Amino acid sequence: MRKILLVLLLCAISVSAVNFDVSIFPSERTIKANESAVFEIELSHNSPAEELFEVFSNDVTWDVQANKTLRVPANGVLKTVLSIRPLNLNSGAYNLPIIFKRAGAFEQVKKFI
């Protein structure tokens, strides 16, 4: 029984050891009313297996979409485009939190644009 628990514990530790990083270029953009802003994103991780990621914002007044599925190859890097569109907002400066999360896990990275 102890051996089984030890194996499960080691599996849990190895799964949680996956690190990932996100870069967004540029970090600022001006968005006019009824338009979208486009950002380049670079997503990388250190897992020996392909990983799937999700992108979203907790702020429901913004539409956040990647132009393709965020599927990053093993120990690889994915470069793609992220579109941000305001939904019925007043003019002004906003600090928008964008959250990148590894699918099926709790790890996430929060970036502000």
PDB file of N, CA and C in Angstrom:
ATOM      1  N   MET A   1       0.820  -1.200   0.000  1.00  0.00           N
ATOM      2  CA  MET A   1       0.000   0.000   0.000  1.00  0.00           C
ATOM      3  C   MET A   1       0.861   1.261   0.000  1.00  0.00           C
ATOM      4  N   ARG A   2       1.945   1.243   0.764  1.00  0.00           N
ATOM      5  CA  ARG A   2       2.839   2.407   0.817  1.00  0.00           C
ATOM      6  C   ARG A   2       3.492   2.670  -0.540  1.00  0.00           C
ATOM      7  N   LYS A   3       3.821   1.606  -1.246  1.00  0.00           N
ATOM      8  CA  LYS A   3       4.444   1.764  -2.560  1.00  0.00           C
ATOM      9  C   LYS A   3       3.490   2.441  -3.535  1.00  0.00           C
ATOM     10  N   ILE A   4       2.217   2.061  -3.466  1.00  0.00           N
ATOM     11  CA  ILE A   4       1.221   2.677  -4.349  1.00  0.00           C
ATOM     12  C   ILE A   4       1.079   4.159  -4.026  1.00  0.00           C
ATOM     13  N   LEU A   5       1.017   4.501  -2.751  1.00  0.00           N
ATOM     14  CA  LEU A   5       0.915   5.910  -2.361  1.00  0.00           C
ATOM     15  C   LEU A   5       2.146   6.702  -2.792  1.00  0.00           C
ATOM     16  N   LEU A   6       3.322   6.086  -2.652  1.00  0.00           N
ATOM     17  CA  LEU A   6       4.551   6.753  -3.059  1.00  0.00           C
ATOM     18  C   LEU A   6       4.553   7.009  -4.569  1.00  0.00           C
ATOM     19  N   VAL A   7       4.120   6.043  -5.351  1.00  0.00           N
ATOM     20  CA  VAL A   7       4.057   6.196  -6.811  1.00  0.00           C
ATOM     21  C   VAL A   7       3.075   7.305  -7.183  1.00  0.00           C
ATOM     22  N   LEU A   8       1.895   7.332  -6.538  1.00  0.00           N
ATOM     23  CA  LEU A   8       0.915   8.385  -6.818  1.00  0.00           C
ATOM     24  C   LEU A   8       1.452   9.764  -6.450  1.00  0.00           C
ATOM     25  N   LEU A   9       2.145   9.846  -5.324  1.00  0.00           N
ATOM     26  CA  LEU A   9       2.725  11.119  -4.903  1.00  0.00           C
ATOM     27  C   LEU A   9       3.779  11.595  -5.900  1.00  0.00           C
ATOM     28  N   LEU A  10       4.628  10.691  -6.343  1.00  0.00           N
ATOM     29  CA  LEU A  10       5.658  11.060  -7.326  1.00  0.00           C
ATOM     30  C   LEU A  10       5.038  11.491  -8.648  1.00  0.00           C
ATOM     31  N   CYS A  11       3.956  10.836  -9.068  1.00  0.00           N
ATOM     32  CA  CYS A  11       3.268  11.230 -10.301  1.00  0.00           C
ATOM     33  C   CYS A  11       2.676  12.629 -10.160  1.00  0.00           C
ATOM     34  N   ALA A  12       2.082  12.903  -9.016  1.00  0.00           N
ATOM     35  CA  ALA A  12       1.491  14.227  -8.792  1.00  0.00           C
ATOM     36  C   ALA A  12       2.561  15.301  -8.806  1.00  0.00           C
ATOM     37  N   ILE A  13       3.706  15.021  -8.222  1.00  0.00           N
ATOM     38  CA  ILE A  13       4.797  16.005  -8.206  1.00  0.00           C
ATOM     39  C   ILE A  13       5.327  16.228  -9.616  1.00  0.00           C
ATOM     40  N   SER A  14       5.491  15.171 -10.394  1.00  0.00           N
ATOM     41  CA  SER A  14       6.026  15.325 -11.750  1.00  0.00           C
ATOM     42  C   SER A  14       5.066  16.075 -12.653  1.00  0.00           C
ATOM     43  N   VAL A  15       3.758  15.884 -12.466  1.00  0.00           N
ATOM     44  CA  VAL A  15       2.772  16.597 -13.279  1.00  0.00           C
ATOM     45  C   VAL A  15       2.786  18.080 -12.958  1.00  0.00           C
ATOM     46  N   SER A  16       2.930  18.430 -11.682  1.00  0.00           N
ATOM     47  CA  SER A  16       2.887  19.837 -11.295  1.00  0.00           C
ATOM     48  C   SER A  16       4.195  20.559 -11.577  1.00  0.00           C
ATOM     49  N   ALA A  17       5.221  19.847 -12.002  1.00  0.00           N
ATOM     50  CA  ALA A  17       6.516  20.465 -12.240  1.00  0.00           C
ATOM     51  C   ALA A  17       6.622  21.114 -13.621  1.00  0.00           C
ATOM     52  N   VAL A  18       5.578  21.064 -14.418  1.00  0.00           N
ATOM     53  CA  VAL A  18       5.611  21.661 -15.747  1.00  0.00           C
ATOM     54  C   VAL A  18       5.519  23.185 -15.603  1.00  0.00           C
ATOM     55  N   ASN A  19       6.484  23.875 -16.159  1.00  0.00           N
ATOM     56  CA  ASN A  19       6.477  25.337 -16.146  1.00  0.00           C
ATOM     57  C   ASN A  19       6.179  25.840 -17.540  1.00  0.00           C
ATOM     58  N   PHE A  20       5.485  26.985 -17.613  1.00  0.00           N
ATOM     59  CA  PHE A  20       5.286  27.591 -18.917  1.00  0.00           C
ATOM     60  C   PHE A  20       5.418  29.098 -18.793  1.00  0.00           C
ATOM     61  N   ASP A  21       5.691  29.724 -19.933  1.00  0.00           N
ATOM     62  CA  ASP A  21       5.923  31.160 -19.968  1.00  0.00           C
ATOM     63  C   ASP A  21       5.161  31.751 -21.146  1.00  0.00           C
ATOM     64  N   VAL A  22       4.725  32.992 -20.970  1.00  0.00           N
ATOM     65  CA  VAL A  22       3.974  33.694 -22.004  1.00  0.00           C
ATOM     66  C   VAL A  22       4.584  35.070 -22.207  1.00  0.00           C
ATOM     67  N   SER A  23       4.767  35.458 -23.453  1.00  0.00           N
ATOM     68  CA  SER A  23       5.197  36.818 -23.802  1.00  0.00           C
ATOM     69  C   SER A  23       4.159  37.409 -24.748  1.00  0.00           C
ATOM     70  N   ILE A  24       3.859  38.694 -24.542  1.00  0.00           N
ATOM     71  CA  ILE A  24       2.892  39.398 -25.386  1.00  0.00           C
ATOM     72  C   ILE A  24       3.574  40.633 -25.963  1.00  0.00           C
ATOM     73  N   PHE A  25       3.436  40.812 -27.291  1.00  0.00           N
ATOM     74  CA  PHE A  25       4.055  41.941 -27.981  1.00  0.00           C
ATOM     75  C   PHE A  25       3.018  42.704 -28.785  1.00  0.00           C
ATOM     76  N   PRO A  26       2.915  43.969 -28.772  1.00  0.00           N
ATOM     77  CA  PRO A  26       3.425  44.876 -27.740  1.00  0.00           C
ATOM     78  C   PRO A  26       2.540  44.781 -26.505  1.00  0.00           C
ATOM     79  N   SER A  27       2.943  45.392 -25.432  1.00  0.00           N
ATOM     80  CA  SER A  27       2.153  45.308 -24.200  1.00  0.00           C
ATOM     81  C   SER A  27       1.039  46.360 -24.173  1.00  0.00           C
ATOM     82  N   GLU A  28       1.093  47.333 -25.084  1.00  0.00           N
ATOM     83  CA  GLU A  28       0.068  48.382 -25.156  1.00  0.00           C
ATOM     84  C   GLU A  28      -0.400  48.562 -26.588  1.00  0.00           C
ATOM     85  N   ARG A  29      -1.675  48.863 -26.736  1.00  0.00           N
ATOM     86  CA  ARG A  29      -2.262  49.175 -28.041  1.00  0.00           C
ATOM     87  C   ARG A  29      -3.422  50.119 -27.827  1.00  0.00           C
ATOM     88  N   THR A  30      -3.685  50.937 -28.823  1.00  0.00           N
ATOM     89  CA  THR A  30      -4.871  51.784 -28.810  1.00  0.00           C
ATOM     90  C   THR A  30      -5.941  51.084 -29.627  1.00  0.00           C
ATOM     91  N   ILE A  31      -7.127  50.987 -29.044  1.00  0.00           N
ATOM     92  CA  ILE A  31      -8.242  50.340 -29.730  1.00  0.00           C
ATOM     93  C   ILE A  31      -9.341  51.380 -29.905  1.00  0.00           C
ATOM     94  N   LYS A  32      -9.747  51.598 -31.120  1.00  0.00           N
ATOM     95  CA  LYS A  32     -10.852  52.520 -31.382  1.00  0.00           C
ATOM     96  C   LYS A  32     -12.181  51.799 -31.186  1.00  0.00           C
ATOM     97  N   ALA A  33     -13.236  52.585 -31.016  1.00  0.00           N
ATOM     98  CA  ALA A  33     -14.566  52.009 -30.814  1.00  0.00           C
ATOM     99  C   ALA A  33     -14.912  51.058 -31.958  1.00  0.00           C
ATOM    100  N   ASN A  34     -15.495  49.934 -31.639  1.00  0.00           N
ATOM    101  CA  ASN A  34     -15.922  48.909 -32.598  1.00  0.00           C
ATOM    102  C   ASN A  34     -14.781  48.299 -33.401  1.00  0.00           C
ATOM    103  N   GLU A  35     -13.561  48.340 -32.852  1.00  0.00           N
ATOM    104  CA  GLU A  35     -12.418  47.721 -33.518  1.00  0.00           C
ATOM    105  C   GLU A  35     -11.743  46.736 -32.576  1.00  0.00           C
ATOM    106  N   SER A  36     -10.819  45.970 -33.113  1.00  0.00           N
ATOM    107  CA  SER A  36     -10.042  45.009 -32.321  1.00  0.00           C
ATOM    108  C   SER A  36      -8.576  45.390 -32.352  1.00  0.00           C
ATOM    109  N   ALA A  37      -7.866  44.956 -31.331  1.00  0.00           N
ATOM    110  CA  ALA A  37      -6.410  45.107 -31.308  1.00  0.00           C
ATOM    111  C   ALA A  37      -5.807  43.714 -31.448  1.00  0.00           C
ATOM    112  N   VAL A  38      -4.678  43.650 -32.122  1.00  0.00           N
ATOM    113  CA  VAL A  38      -4.016  42.377 -32.350  1.00  0.00           C
ATOM    114  C   VAL A  38      -2.665  42.402 -31.640  1.00  0.00           C
ATOM    115  N   PHE A  39      -2.393  41.326 -30.909  1.00  0.00           N
ATOM    116  CA  PHE A  39      -1.133  41.171 -30.190  1.00  0.00           C
ATOM    117  C   PHE A  39      -0.490  39.864 -30.619  1.00  0.00           C
ATOM    118  N   GLU A  40       0.825  39.843 -30.665  1.00  0.00           N
ATOM    119  CA  GLU A  40       1.546  38.605 -30.923  1.00  0.00           C
ATOM    120  C   GLU A  40       1.835  37.960 -29.576  1.00  0.00           C
ATOM    121  N   ILE A  41       1.595  36.656 -29.479  1.00  0.00           N
ATOM    122  CA  ILE A  41       1.916  35.953 -28.244  1.00  0.00           C
ATOM    123  C   ILE A  41       2.890  34.823 -28.538  1.00  0.00           C
ATOM    124  N   GLU A  42       3.700  34.537 -27.546  1.00  0.00           N
ATOM    125  CA  GLU A  42       4.653  33.443 -27.629  1.00  0.00           C
ATOM    126  C   GLU A  42       4.491  32.620 -26.359  1.00  0.00           C
ATOM    127  N   LEU A  43       4.150  31.363 -26.517  1.00  0.00           N
ATOM    128  CA  LEU A  43       3.864  30.465 -25.407  1.00  0.00           C
ATOM    129  C   LEU A  43       4.876  29.331 -25.443  1.00  0.00           C
ATOM    130  N   SER A  44       5.548  29.066 -24.311  1.00  0.00           N
ATOM    131  CA  SER A  44       6.534  27.987 -24.265  1.00  0.00           C
ATOM    132  C   SER A  44       6.382  27.210 -22.958  1.00  0.00           C
ATOM    133  N   HIS A  45       6.845  25.970 -22.964  1.00  0.00           N
ATOM    134  CA  HIS A  45       6.793  25.139 -21.760  1.00  0.00           C
ATOM    135  C   HIS A  45       7.938  24.138 -21.765  1.00  0.00           C
ATOM    136  N   ASN A  46       8.145  23.483 -20.613  1.00  0.00           N
ATOM    137  CA  ASN A  46       9.253  22.531 -20.482  1.00  0.00           C
ATOM    138  C   ASN A  46       8.785  21.080 -20.378  1.00  0.00           C
ATOM    139  N   SER A  47       7.564  20.796 -20.758  1.00  0.00           N
ATOM    140  CA  SER A  47       7.030  19.439 -20.658  1.00  0.00           C
ATOM    141  C   SER A  47       7.550  18.579 -21.807  1.00  0.00           C
ATOM    142  N   PRO A  48       7.810  17.293 -21.538  1.00  0.00           N
ATOM    143  CA  PRO A  48       8.239  16.401 -22.612  1.00  0.00           C
ATOM    144  C   PRO A  48       7.083  15.948 -23.510  1.00  0.00           C
ATOM    145  N   ALA A  49       5.877  16.438 -23.228  1.00  0.00           N
ATOM    146  CA  ALA A  49       4.704  16.085 -24.035  1.00  0.00           C
ATOM    147  C   ALA A  49       4.052  17.355 -24.574  1.00  0.00           C
ATOM    148  N   GLU A  50       3.293  17.214 -25.646  1.00  0.00           N
ATOM    149  CA  GLU A  50       2.530  18.338 -26.186  1.00  0.00           C
ATOM    150  C   GLU A  50       1.544  18.824 -25.123  1.00  0.00           C
ATOM    151  N   GLU A  51       1.350  20.141 -25.025  1.00  0.00           N
ATOM    152  CA  GLU A  51       0.444  20.719 -24.033  1.00  0.00           C
ATOM    153  C   GLU A  51      -0.578  21.616 -24.727  1.00  0.00           C
ATOM    154  N   LEU A  52      -1.789  21.627 -24.188  1.00  0.00           N
ATOM    155  CA  LEU A  52      -2.869  22.466 -24.692  1.00  0.00           C
ATOM    156  C   LEU A  52      -3.127  23.563 -23.662  1.00  0.00           C
ATOM    157  N   PHE A  53      -3.295  24.807 -24.124  1.00  0.00           N
ATOM    158  CA  PHE A  53      -3.500  25.944 -23.234  1.00  0.00           C
ATOM    159  C   PHE A  53      -4.795  26.664 -23.583  1.00  0.00           C
ATOM    160  N   GLU A  54      -5.340  27.359 -22.593  1.00  0.00           N
ATOM    161  CA  GLU A  54      -6.534  28.174 -22.755  1.00  0.00           C
ATOM    162  C   GLU A  54      -6.146  29.628 -22.521  1.00  0.00           C
ATOM    163  N   VAL A  55      -6.846  30.547 -23.184  1.00  0.00           N
ATOM    164  CA  VAL A  55      -6.628  31.973 -22.944  1.00  0.00           C
ATOM    165  C   VAL A  55      -7.983  32.626 -22.735  1.00  0.00           C
ATOM    166  N   PHE A  56      -8.052  33.517 -21.733  1.00  0.00           N
ATOM    167  CA  PHE A  56      -9.305  34.207 -21.427  1.00  0.00           C
ATOM    168  C   PHE A  56      -9.015  35.397 -20.525  1.00  0.00           C
ATOM    169  N   SER A  57     -10.048  36.169 -20.254  1.00  0.00           N
ATOM    170  CA  SER A  57      -9.958  37.269 -19.308  1.00  0.00           C
ATOM    171  C   SER A  57     -11.119  37.151 -18.330  1.00  0.00           C
ATOM    172  N   ASN A  58     -10.863  37.484 -17.076  1.00  0.00           N
ATOM    173  CA  ASN A  58     -11.938  37.510 -16.071  1.00  0.00           C
ATOM    174  C   ASN A  58     -12.868  38.685 -16.304  1.00  0.00           C
ATOM    175  N   ASP A  59     -12.411  39.671 -17.060  1.00  0.00           N
ATOM    176  CA  ASP A  59     -13.201  40.868 -17.346  1.00  0.00           C
ATOM    177  C   ASP A  59     -14.121  40.566 -18.524  1.00  0.00           C
ATOM    178  N   VAL A  60     -15.413  40.405 -18.244  1.00  0.00           N
ATOM    179  CA  VAL A  60     -16.367  39.995 -19.274  1.00  0.00           C
ATOM    180  C   VAL A  60     -16.721  41.111 -20.251  1.00  0.00           C
ATOM    181  N   THR A  61     -16.167  42.289 -20.069  1.00  0.00           N
ATOM    182  CA  THR A  61     -16.442  43.387 -20.998  1.00  0.00           C
ATOM    183  C   THR A  61     -15.462  43.386 -22.174  1.00  0.00           C
ATOM    184  N   TRP A  62     -14.659  42.333 -22.283  1.00  0.00           N
ATOM    185  CA  TRP A  62     -13.704  42.201 -23.378  1.00  0.00           C
ATOM    186  C   TRP A  62     -13.848  40.835 -24.025  1.00  0.00           C
ATOM    187  N   ASP A  63     -13.701  40.799 -25.342  1.00  0.00           N
ATOM    188  CA  ASP A  63     -13.681  39.548 -26.099  1.00  0.00           C
ATOM    189  C   ASP A  63     -12.217  39.226 -26.392  1.00  0.00           C
ATOM    190  N   VAL A  64     -11.743  38.084 -25.910  1.00  0.00           N
ATOM    191  CA  VAL A  64     -10.343  37.672 -26.065  1.00  0.00           C
ATOM    192  C   VAL A  64     -10.320  36.368 -26.845  1.00  0.00           C
ATOM    193  N   GLN A  65      -9.616  36.362 -27.991  1.00  0.00           N
ATOM    194  CA  GLN A  65      -9.578  35.163 -28.834  1.00  0.00           C
ATOM    195  C   GLN A  65      -8.212  34.986 -29.469  1.00  0.00           C
ATOM    196  N   ALA A  66      -7.720  33.752 -29.433  1.00  0.00           N
ATOM    197  CA  ALA A  66      -6.509  33.394 -30.176  1.00  0.00           C
ATOM    198  C   ALA A  66      -6.942  32.997 -31.578  1.00  0.00           C
ATOM    199  N   ASN A  67      -6.058  33.202 -32.566  1.00  0.00           N
ATOM    200  CA  ASN A  67      -6.445  32.877 -33.940  1.00  0.00           C
ATOM    201  C   ASN A  67      -6.351  31.391 -34.258  1.00  0.00           C
ATOM    202  N   LYS A  68      -5.798  30.593 -33.323  1.00  0.00           N
ATOM    203  CA  LYS A  68      -5.762  29.142 -33.502  1.00  0.00           C
ATOM    204  C   LYS A  68      -5.674  28.480 -32.130  1.00  0.00           C
ATOM    205  N   THR A  69      -5.862  27.172 -32.096  1.00  0.00           N
ATOM    206  CA  THR A  69      -5.774  26.414 -30.855  1.00  0.00           C
ATOM    207  C   THR A  69      -4.376  26.552 -30.280  1.00  0.00           C
ATOM    208  N   LEU A  70      -4.303  26.774 -28.981  1.00  0.00           N
ATOM    209  CA  LEU A  70      -3.007  26.956 -28.321  1.00  0.00           C
ATOM    210  C   LEU A  70      -2.424  25.598 -27.941  1.00  0.00           C
ATOM    211  N   ARG A  71      -1.950  24.885 -28.951  1.00  0.00           N
ATOM    212  CA  ARG A  71      -1.355  23.558 -28.786  1.00  0.00           C
ATOM    213  C   ARG A  71       0.157  23.720 -28.996  1.00  0.00           C
ATOM    214  N   VAL A  72       0.909  23.546 -27.895  1.00  0.00           N
ATOM    215  CA  VAL A  72       2.352  23.775 -27.932  1.00  0.00           C
ATOM    216  C   VAL A  72       3.068  22.432 -27.958  1.00  0.00           C
ATOM    217  N   PRO A  73       3.972  22.225 -28.924  1.00  0.00           N
ATOM    218  CA  PRO A  73       4.680  20.941 -29.014  1.00  0.00           C
ATOM    219  C   PRO A  73       5.572  20.700 -27.795  1.00  0.00           C
ATOM    220  N   ALA A  74       5.990  19.452 -27.608  1.00  0.00           N
ATOM    221  CA  ALA A  74       6.849  19.070 -26.489  1.00  0.00           C
ATOM    222  C   ALA A  74       8.081  19.962 -26.418  1.00  0.00           C
ATOM    223  N   ASN A  75       8.365  20.492 -25.240  1.00  0.00           N
ATOM    224  CA  ASN A  75       9.508  21.390 -25.020  1.00  0.00           C
ATOM    225  C   ASN A  75       9.580  22.475 -26.076  1.00  0.00           C
ATOM    226  N   GLY A  76       8.439  22.925 -26.555  1.00  0.00           N
ATOM    227  CA  GLY A  76       8.419  23.827 -27.693  1.00  0.00           C
ATOM    228  C   GLY A  76       7.883  25.203 -27.418  1.00  0.00           C
ATOM    229  N   VAL A  77       7.730  25.932 -28.516  1.00  0.00           N
ATOM    230  CA  VAL A  77       7.248  27.307 -28.497  1.00  0.00           C
ATOM    231  C   VAL A  77       6.156  27.442 -29.555  1.00  0.00           C
ATOM    232  N   LEU A  78       5.108  28.159 -29.205  1.00  0.00           N
ATOM    233  CA  LEU A  78       4.040  28.462 -30.143  1.00  0.00           C
ATOM    234  C   LEU A  78       3.955  29.968 -30.282  1.00  0.00           C
ATOM    235  N   LYS A  79       3.974  30.453 -31.516  1.00  0.00           N
ATOM    236  CA  LYS A  79       3.777  31.870 -31.788  1.00  0.00           C
ATOM    237  C   LYS A  79       2.462  32.009 -32.536  1.00  0.00           C
ATOM    238  N   THR A  80       1.611  32.896 -32.049  1.00  0.00           N
ATOM    239  CA  THR A  80       0.316  33.092 -32.687  1.00  0.00           C
ATOM    240  C   THR A  80      -0.174  34.508 -32.399  1.00  0.00           C
ATOM    241  N   VAL A  81      -1.403  34.778 -32.811  1.00  0.00           N
ATOM    242  CA  VAL A  81      -1.989  36.117 -32.680  1.00  0.00           C
ATOM    243  C   VAL A  81      -3.170  36.061 -31.716  1.00  0.00           C
ATOM    244  N   LEU A  82      -3.275  37.092 -30.898  1.00  0.00           N
ATOM    245  CA  LEU A  82      -4.367  37.235 -29.944  1.00  0.00           C
ATOM    246  C   LEU A  82      -5.142  38.490 -30.304  1.00  0.00           C
ATOM    247  N   SER A  83      -6.468  38.357 -30.469  1.00  0.00           N
ATOM    248  CA  SER A  83      -7.321  39.506 -30.790  1.00  0.00           C
ATOM    249  C   SER A  83      -8.107  39.894 -29.546  1.00  0.00           C
ATOM    250  N   ILE A  84      -8.128  41.203 -29.282  1.00  0.00           N
ATOM    251  CA  ILE A  84      -8.842  41.755 -28.132  1.00  0.00           C
ATOM    252  C   ILE A  84      -9.844  42.770 -28.669  1.00  0.00           C
ATOM    253  N   ARG A  85     -11.119  42.634 -28.234  1.00  0.00           N
ATOM    254  CA  ARG A  85     -12.153  43.552 -28.694  1.00  0.00           C
ATOM    255  C   ARG A  85     -12.997  43.983 -27.501  1.00  0.00           C
ATOM    256  N   PRO A  86     -13.174  45.298 -27.324  1.00  0.00           N
ATOM    257  CA  PRO A  86     -14.024  45.764 -26.220  1.00  0.00           C
ATOM    258  C   PRO A  86     -15.493  45.523 -26.536  1.00  0.00           C
ATOM    259  N   LEU A  87     -16.262  45.225 -25.502  1.00  0.00           N
ATOM    260  CA  LEU A  87     -17.696  45.004 -25.641  1.00  0.00           C
ATOM    261  C   LEU A  87     -18.435  46.108 -24.882  1.00  0.00           C
ATOM    262  N   ASN A  88     -18.872  47.136 -25.607  1.00  0.00           N
ATOM    263  CA  ASN A  88     -19.653  48.228 -25.019  1.00  0.00           C
ATOM    264  C   ASN A  88     -18.943  48.929 -23.852  1.00  0.00           C
ATOM    265  N   LEU A  89     -17.744  49.413 -24.098  1.00  0.00           N
ATOM    266  CA  LEU A  89     -16.996  50.134 -23.070  1.00  0.00           C
ATOM    267  C   LEU A  89     -16.951  51.618 -23.382  1.00  0.00           C
ATOM    268  N   ASN A  90     -16.796  52.417 -22.349  1.00  0.00           N
ATOM    269  CA  ASN A  90     -16.562  53.846 -22.525  1.00  0.00           C
ATOM    270  C   ASN A  90     -15.102  54.071 -22.874  1.00  0.00           C
ATOM    271  N   SER A  91     -14.815  55.180 -23.526  1.00  0.00           N
ATOM    272  CA  SER A  91     -13.431  55.524 -23.850  1.00  0.00           C
ATOM    273  C   SER A  91     -12.628  55.675 -22.571  1.00  0.00           C
ATOM    274  N   GLY A  92     -11.369  55.312 -22.625  1.00  0.00           N
ATOM    275  CA  GLY A  92     -10.507  55.436 -21.457  1.00  0.00           C
ATOM    276  C   GLY A  92      -9.353  54.459 -21.527  1.00  0.00           C
ATOM    277  N   ALA A  93      -8.502  54.503 -20.519  1.00  0.00           N
ATOM    278  CA  ALA A  93      -7.359  53.597 -20.416  1.00  0.00           C
ATOM    279  C   ALA A  93      -7.762  52.401 -19.568  1.00  0.00           C
ATOM    280  N   TYR A  94      -7.423  51.213 -20.021  1.00  0.00           N
ATOM    281  CA  TYR A  94      -7.779  49.993 -19.307  1.00  0.00           C
ATOM    282  C   TYR A  94      -6.534  49.137 -19.109  1.00  0.00           C
ATOM    283  N   ASN A  95      -6.479  48.459 -17.985  1.00  0.00           N
ATOM    284  CA  ASN A  95      -5.428  47.503 -17.677  1.00  0.00           C
ATOM    285  C   ASN A  95      -6.097  46.130 -17.672  1.00  0.00           C
ATOM    286  N   LEU A  96      -6.054  45.453 -18.799  1.00  0.00           N
ATOM    287  CA  LEU A  96      -6.815  44.225 -19.006  1.00  0.00           C
ATOM    288  C   LEU A  96      -6.006  42.992 -18.607  1.00  0.00           C
ATOM    289  N   PRO A  97      -6.517  42.174 -17.662  1.00  0.00           N
ATOM    290  CA  PRO A  97      -5.823  40.935 -17.311  1.00  0.00           C
ATOM    291  C   PRO A  97      -6.143  39.833 -18.324  1.00  0.00           C
ATOM    292  N   ILE A  98      -5.112  39.226 -18.870  1.00  0.00           N
ATOM    293  CA  ILE A  98      -5.245  38.103 -19.789  1.00  0.00           C
ATOM    294  C   ILE A  98      -4.657  36.893 -19.079  1.00  0.00           C
ATOM    295  N   ILE A  99      -5.429  35.811 -19.004  1.00  0.00           N
ATOM    296  CA  ILE A  99      -4.997  34.623 -18.268  1.00  0.00           C
ATOM    297  C   ILE A  99      -4.748  33.480 -19.244  1.00  0.00           C
ATOM    298  N   PHE A 100      -3.577  32.882 -19.113  1.00  0.00           N
ATOM    299  CA  PHE A 100      -3.203  31.707 -19.889  1.00  0.00           C
ATOM    300  C   PHE A 100      -3.153  30.546 -18.902  1.00  0.00           C
ATOM    301  N   LYS A 101      -3.872  29.473 -19.227  1.00  0.00           N
ATOM    302  CA  LYS A 101      -3.986  28.339 -18.310  1.00  0.00           C
ATOM    303  C   LYS A 101      -3.692  27.053 -19.060  1.00  0.00           C
ATOM    304  N   ARG A 102      -2.932  26.190 -18.418  1.00  0.00           N
ATOM    305  CA  ARG A 102      -2.676  24.875 -18.997  1.00  0.00           C
ATOM    306  C   ARG A 102      -3.944  24.053 -18.842  1.00  0.00           C
ATOM    307  N   ALA A 103      -4.464  23.501 -19.936  1.00  0.00           N
ATOM    308  CA  ALA A 103      -5.723  22.750 -19.927  1.00  0.00           C
ATOM    309  C   ALA A 103      -5.625  21.564 -18.973  1.00  0.00           C
ATOM    310  N   GLY A 104      -6.661  21.404 -18.144  1.00  0.00           N
ATOM    311  CA  GLY A 104      -6.706  20.292 -17.219  1.00  0.00           C
ATOM    312  C   GLY A 104      -5.821  20.443 -16.005  1.00  0.00           C
ATOM    313  N   ALA A 105      -5.295  21.630 -15.762  1.00  0.00           N
ATOM    314  CA  ALA A 105      -4.402  21.863 -14.622  1.00  0.00           C
ATOM    315  C   ALA A 105      -4.749  23.195 -13.968  1.00  0.00           C
ATOM    316  N   PHE A 106      -4.131  23.443 -12.847  1.00  0.00           N
ATOM    317  CA  PHE A 106      -4.376  24.690 -12.126  1.00  0.00           C
ATOM    318  C   PHE A 106      -3.363  25.778 -12.461  1.00  0.00           C
ATOM    319  N   GLU A 107      -2.249  25.417 -13.094  1.00  0.00           N
ATOM    320  CA  GLU A 107      -1.218  26.403 -13.394  1.00  0.00           C
ATOM    321  C   GLU A 107      -1.755  27.435 -14.368  1.00  0.00           C
ATOM    322  N   GLN A 108      -1.483  28.694 -14.051  1.00  0.00           N
ATOM    323  CA  GLN A 108      -1.870  29.770 -14.961  1.00  0.00           C
ATOM    324  C   GLN A 108      -0.882  30.910 -14.838  1.00  0.00           C
ATOM    325  N   VAL A 109      -0.805  31.689 -15.910  1.00  0.00           N
ATOM    326  CA  VAL A 109       0.018  32.893 -15.954  1.00  0.00           C
ATOM    327  C   VAL A 109      -0.907  34.043 -16.310  1.00  0.00           C
ATOM    328  N   LYS A 110      -0.815  35.119 -15.538  1.00  0.00           N
ATOM    329  CA  LYS A 110      -1.644  36.303 -15.792  1.00  0.00           C
ATOM    330  C   LYS A 110      -0.741  37.416 -16.307  1.00  0.00           C
ATOM    331  N   LYS A 111      -1.118  37.964 -17.452  1.00  0.00           N
ATOM    332  CA  LYS A 111      -0.419  39.096 -18.054  1.00  0.00           C
ATOM    333  C   LYS A 111      -1.408  40.255 -18.174  1.00  0.00           C
ATOM    334  N   PHE A 112      -0.901  41.467 -18.090  1.00  0.00           N
ATOM    335  CA  PHE A 112      -1.741  42.659 -18.232  1.00  0.00           C
ATOM    336  C   PHE A 112      -1.364  43.405 -19.501  1.00  0.00           C
ATOM    337  N   ILE A 113      -2.390  43.788 -20.267  1.00  0.00           N
ATOM    338  CA  ILE A 113      -2.157  44.603 -21.460  1.00  0.00           C
ATOM    339  C   ILE A 113      -3.018  45.837 -21.372  1.00  0.00           C
TER     340      ILE A 113
END
